[in-house]
Structure formats: C-alpha cells, structure tokens
Amino acid sequence: MEYIEGKPLKEYVGNIEYYEVLKKALYNAYLLDEKGVFHGQLGRYYHIFYTGEDVKFIDFERGGFTENPRNFMQIVGYYLFRDEKFDKNILKEIIEMYKTAPKKALKEAIKVLDE
C-alpha cells in the first residue's frame, strides 16, 4: 500500500472543483474498463481521491478482472444521475453509447460536464 495525499470526492460536493474531479474520475474509470478491471465500489465517495492533479481510486480488495467491467457506468449512474443539473435522457444515451463506443461516450460525458 502507498499513502495517497488528497481529499475524498465527498469533500468536493457543492464546490466548483467537483465537476473537474468527476471528469478525471470518468477518464480513469474508462481506463480501468479498457484494461478489464472492475472496482465495484466507485459509487462511494470515499473510494475516489483527488490529489490536486489527478484522481486516484482506492480499496481494490473486492475488485477483479472481468470481461464486462462497469466502472464508467458506476460513476455516471451514481454521481451524474443523482445530480439534478443533468438531463437523464442524455445520460441514458451516453450509457447506451458506452456499450458499443466507449471512447465516444467518454467524450460526450465530459462534454456534458463542461456545459
């Protein structure tokens, strides 16, 4: 184990940096999905840390390799769907897109966060 200096995502809720942290978390979740690693607990604020430069995921003890990882979808489902700021129909489209075109869906999700 290594020490990670940073703050959990929970400390950014309501802060302007929150959406920037979520964009980085989505990108990192996409990378995990690409490698076939499923974390399984990214829907909990305290498993996502922001170091001031990058996002780190912690506590992989329940994670594992799978042909169908859902890290990206966990973040969209848990954080974006619960946020009244986002159109649920657009988020559903992004999730469907992710199943066939993950990189394109990632770009769309980041675009939604930027708006």
C-alpha atoms as a PDB file:
ATOM      1  CA  MET A   1       0.000   0.000   0.000  1.00  0.00           C
ATOM      2  CA  GLU A   2       1.054   3.536  -0.505  1.00  0.00           C
ATOM      3  CA  TYR A   3      -0.079   6.732   1.137  1.00  0.00           C
ATOM      4  CA  ILE A   4      -2.167   8.977  -1.109  1.00  0.00           C
ATOM      5  CA  GLU A   5      -2.245  12.604  -0.190  1.00  0.00           C
ATOM      6  CA  GLY A   6      -5.509  14.143  -1.250  1.00  0.00           C
ATOM      7  CA  LYS A   7      -9.155  14.551  -0.369  1.00  0.00           C
ATOM      8  CA  PRO A   8     -12.066  12.193  -0.965  1.00  0.00           C
ATOM      9  CA  LEU A   9     -14.617  13.184  -3.579  1.00  0.00           C
ATOM     10  CA  LYS A  10     -17.169  13.850  -0.823  1.00  0.00           C
ATOM     11  CA  GLU A  11     -15.220  16.961   0.207  1.00  0.00           C
ATOM     12  CA  TYR A  12     -15.721  18.480  -3.252  1.00  0.00           C
ATOM     13  CA  VAL A  13     -19.514  18.155  -3.405  1.00  0.00           C
ATOM     14  CA  GLY A  14     -21.002  21.640  -3.834  1.00  0.00           C
ATOM     15  CA  ASN A  15     -17.600  23.030  -4.823  1.00  0.00           C
ATOM     16  CA  ILE A  16     -16.747  24.201  -8.346  1.00  0.00           C
ATOM     17  CA  GLU A  17     -13.910  21.635  -8.483  1.00  0.00           C
ATOM     18  CA  TYR A  18     -16.399  18.783  -8.048  1.00  0.00           C
ATOM     19  CA  TYR A  19     -17.150  18.503 -11.768  1.00  0.00           C
ATOM     20  CA  GLU A  20     -13.476  18.706 -12.702  1.00  0.00           C
ATOM     21  CA  VAL A  21     -12.772  15.833 -10.321  1.00  0.00           C
ATOM     22  CA  LEU A  22     -15.667  13.855 -11.832  1.00  0.00           C
ATOM     23  CA  LYS A  23     -14.253  14.347 -15.342  1.00  0.00           C
ATOM     24  CA  LYS A  24     -10.927  12.904 -14.233  1.00  0.00           C
ATOM     25  CA  ALA A  25     -12.711  10.070 -12.424  1.00  0.00           C
ATOM     26  CA  LEU A  26     -14.680   9.223 -15.586  1.00  0.00           C
ATOM     27  CA  TYR A  27     -11.474   9.122 -17.602  1.00  0.00           C
ATOM     28  CA  ASN A  28      -9.752   6.860 -15.062  1.00  0.00           C
ATOM     29  CA  ALA A  29     -12.829   4.623 -14.896  1.00  0.00           C
ATOM     30  CA  TYR A  30     -12.716   4.344 -18.688  1.00  0.00           C
ATOM     31  CA  LEU A  31      -9.052   3.281 -18.460  1.00  0.00           C
ATOM     32  CA  LEU A  32      -9.899   0.603 -15.887  1.00  0.00           C
ATOM     33  CA  ASP A  33     -12.719  -0.667 -18.113  1.00  0.00           C
ATOM     34  CA  GLU A  34     -10.349  -0.768 -21.066  1.00  0.00           C
ATOM     35  CA  LYS A  35      -7.974  -2.981 -19.073  1.00  0.00           C
ATOM     36  CA  GLY A  36     -10.781  -5.260 -17.828  1.00  0.00           C
ATOM     37  CA  VAL A  37     -10.509  -4.259 -14.164  1.00  0.00           C
ATOM     38  CA  PHE A  38     -13.739  -3.831 -12.207  1.00  0.00           C
ATOM     39  CA  HIS A  39     -13.502  -1.888  -8.954  1.00  0.00           C
ATOM     40  CA  GLY A  40     -17.059  -2.461  -7.809  1.00  0.00           C
ATOM     41  CA  GLN A  41     -17.270   0.337  -5.242  1.00  0.00           C
ATOM     42  CA  LEU A  42     -16.788   3.588  -7.112  1.00  0.00           C
ATOM     43  CA  GLY A  43     -20.298   4.621  -6.123  1.00  0.00           C
ATOM     44  CA  ARG A  44     -18.913   5.564  -2.736  1.00  0.00           C
ATOM     45  CA  TYR A  45     -17.390   8.981  -2.336  1.00  0.00           C
ATOM     46  CA  TYR A  46     -14.558   7.756  -0.151  1.00  0.00           C
ATOM     47  CA  HIS A  47     -13.074   5.437  -2.809  1.00  0.00           C
ATOM     48  CA  ILE A  48     -12.267   8.363  -5.110  1.00  0.00           C
ATOM     49  CA  PHE A  49      -9.483  10.748  -4.078  1.00  0.00           C
ATOM     50  CA  TYR A  50      -8.289  13.914  -5.752  1.00  0.00           C
ATOM     51  CA  THR A  51      -4.612  14.707  -5.260  1.00  0.00           C
ATOM     52  CA  GLY A  52      -4.820  18.226  -6.662  1.00  0.00           C
ATOM     53  CA  GLU A  53      -3.628  16.971 -10.034  1.00  0.00           C
ATOM     54  CA  ASP A  54      -5.154  13.564 -10.609  1.00  0.00           C
ATOM     55  CA  VAL A  55      -7.835  11.209  -9.360  1.00  0.00           C
ATOM     56  CA  LYS A  56      -6.898   8.006  -7.561  1.00  0.00           C
ATOM     57  CA  PHE A  57      -9.156   5.081  -6.771  1.00  0.00           C
ATOM     58  CA  ILE A  58      -8.503   3.207  -3.536  1.00  0.00           C
ATOM     59  CA  ASP A  59      -9.539  -0.118  -1.971  1.00  0.00           C
ATOM     60  CA  PHE A  60      -9.383  -2.639  -4.779  1.00  0.00           C
ATOM     61  CA  GLU A  61      -9.646  -5.662  -2.482  1.00  0.00           C
ATOM     62  CA  ARG A  62     -13.112  -6.507  -3.816  1.00  0.00           C
ATOM     63  CA  GLY A  63     -12.178  -5.676  -7.388  1.00  0.00           C
ATOM     64  CA  GLY A  64     -11.042  -8.053 -10.059  1.00  0.00           C
ATOM     65  CA  PHE A  65     -10.643  -8.762 -13.720  1.00  0.00           C
ATOM     66  CA  THR A  66     -13.742  -9.267 -15.851  1.00  0.00           C
ATOM     67  CA  GLU A  67     -14.787  -9.124 -19.484  1.00  0.00           C
ATOM     68  CA  ASN A  68     -17.554  -6.666 -18.593  1.00  0.00           C
ATOM     69  CA  PRO A  69     -16.214  -4.017 -16.183  1.00  0.00           C
ATOM     70  CA  ARG A  70     -18.633  -1.219 -15.317  1.00  0.00           C
ATOM     71  CA  ASN A  71     -16.516   1.458 -13.646  1.00  0.00           C
ATOM     72  CA  PHE A  72     -17.537   4.230 -16.039  1.00  0.00           C
ATOM     73  CA  MET A  73     -21.201   3.300 -15.686  1.00  0.00           C
ATOM     74  CA  GLN A  74     -20.919   3.313 -11.887  1.00  0.00           C
ATOM     75  CA  ILE A  75     -19.730   6.902 -11.911  1.00  0.00           C
ATOM     76  CA  VAL A  76     -22.357   8.048 -14.415  1.00  0.00           C
ATOM     77  CA  GLY A  77     -25.083   6.210 -12.520  1.00  0.00           C
ATOM     78  CA  TYR A  78     -24.111   7.195  -9.031  1.00  0.00           C
ATOM     79  CA  TYR A  79     -22.918  10.772  -9.434  1.00  0.00           C
ATOM     80  CA  LEU A  80     -24.424  12.198 -12.621  1.00  0.00           C
ATOM     81  CA  PHE A  81     -27.869  10.577 -12.467  1.00  0.00           C
ATOM     82  CA  ARG A  82     -28.334  11.849  -8.918  1.00  0.00           C
ATOM     83  CA  ASP A  83     -27.397  15.392  -9.904  1.00  0.00           C
ATOM     84  CA  GLU A  84     -30.407  17.475 -10.969  1.00  0.00           C
ATOM     85  CA  LYS A  85     -28.122  19.518 -13.204  1.00  0.00           C
ATOM     86  CA  PHE A  86     -28.024  16.772 -15.865  1.00  0.00           C
ATOM     87  CA  ASP A  87     -30.666  15.619 -18.346  1.00  0.00           C
ATOM     88  CA  LYS A  88     -31.373  11.958 -17.563  1.00  0.00           C
ATOM     89  CA  ASN A  89     -32.215  11.179 -21.195  1.00  0.00           C
ATOM     90  CA  ILE A  90     -28.798  12.387 -22.349  1.00  0.00           C
ATOM     91  CA  LEU A  91     -27.145  10.308 -19.626  1.00  0.00           C
ATOM     92  CA  LYS A  92     -29.097   7.231 -20.774  1.00  0.00           C
ATOM     93  CA  GLU A  93     -27.860   7.858 -24.319  1.00  0.00           C
ATOM     94  CA  ILE A  94     -24.286   8.070 -23.048  1.00  0.00           C
ATOM     95  CA  ILE A  95     -24.655   4.770 -21.201  1.00  0.00           C
ATOM     96  CA  GLU A  96     -26.063   3.055 -24.296  1.00  0.00           C
ATOM     97  CA  MET A  97     -23.289   4.571 -26.424  1.00  0.00           C
ATOM     98  CA  TYR A  98     -20.666   3.326 -23.962  1.00  0.00           C
ATOM     99  CA  LYS A  99     -21.676  -0.268 -24.652  1.00  0.00           C
ATOM    100  CA  THR A 100     -20.569  -0.011 -28.288  1.00  0.00           C
ATOM    101  CA  ALA A 101     -18.341   3.086 -28.462  1.00  0.00           C
ATOM    102  CA  PRO A 102     -16.722   3.713 -25.065  1.00  0.00           C
ATOM    103  CA  LYS A 103     -14.295   6.424 -26.154  1.00  0.00           C
ATOM    104  CA  LYS A 104     -17.060   8.393 -27.883  1.00  0.00           C
ATOM    105  CA  ALA A 105     -19.272   8.062 -24.791  1.00  0.00           C
ATOM    106  CA  LEU A 106     -16.433   9.310 -22.597  1.00  0.00           C
ATOM    107  CA  LYS A 107     -16.079  12.402 -24.791  1.00  0.00           C
ATOM    108  CA  GLU A 108     -19.837  13.001 -24.627  1.00  0.00           C
ATOM    109  CA  ALA A 109     -19.887  12.638 -20.841  1.00  0.00           C
ATOM    110  CA  ILE A 110     -17.052  15.130 -20.468  1.00  0.00           C
ATOM    111  CA  LYS A 111     -18.877  17.487 -22.827  1.00  0.00           C
ATOM    112  CA  VAL A 112     -21.992  17.239 -20.641  1.00  0.00           C
ATOM    113  CA  LEU A 113     -19.908  18.033 -17.552  1.00  0.00           C
ATOM    114  CA  ASP A 114     -18.363  21.035 -19.307  1.00  0.00           C
ATOM    115  CA  GLU A 115     -21.767  22.540 -20.160  1.00  0.00           C
END
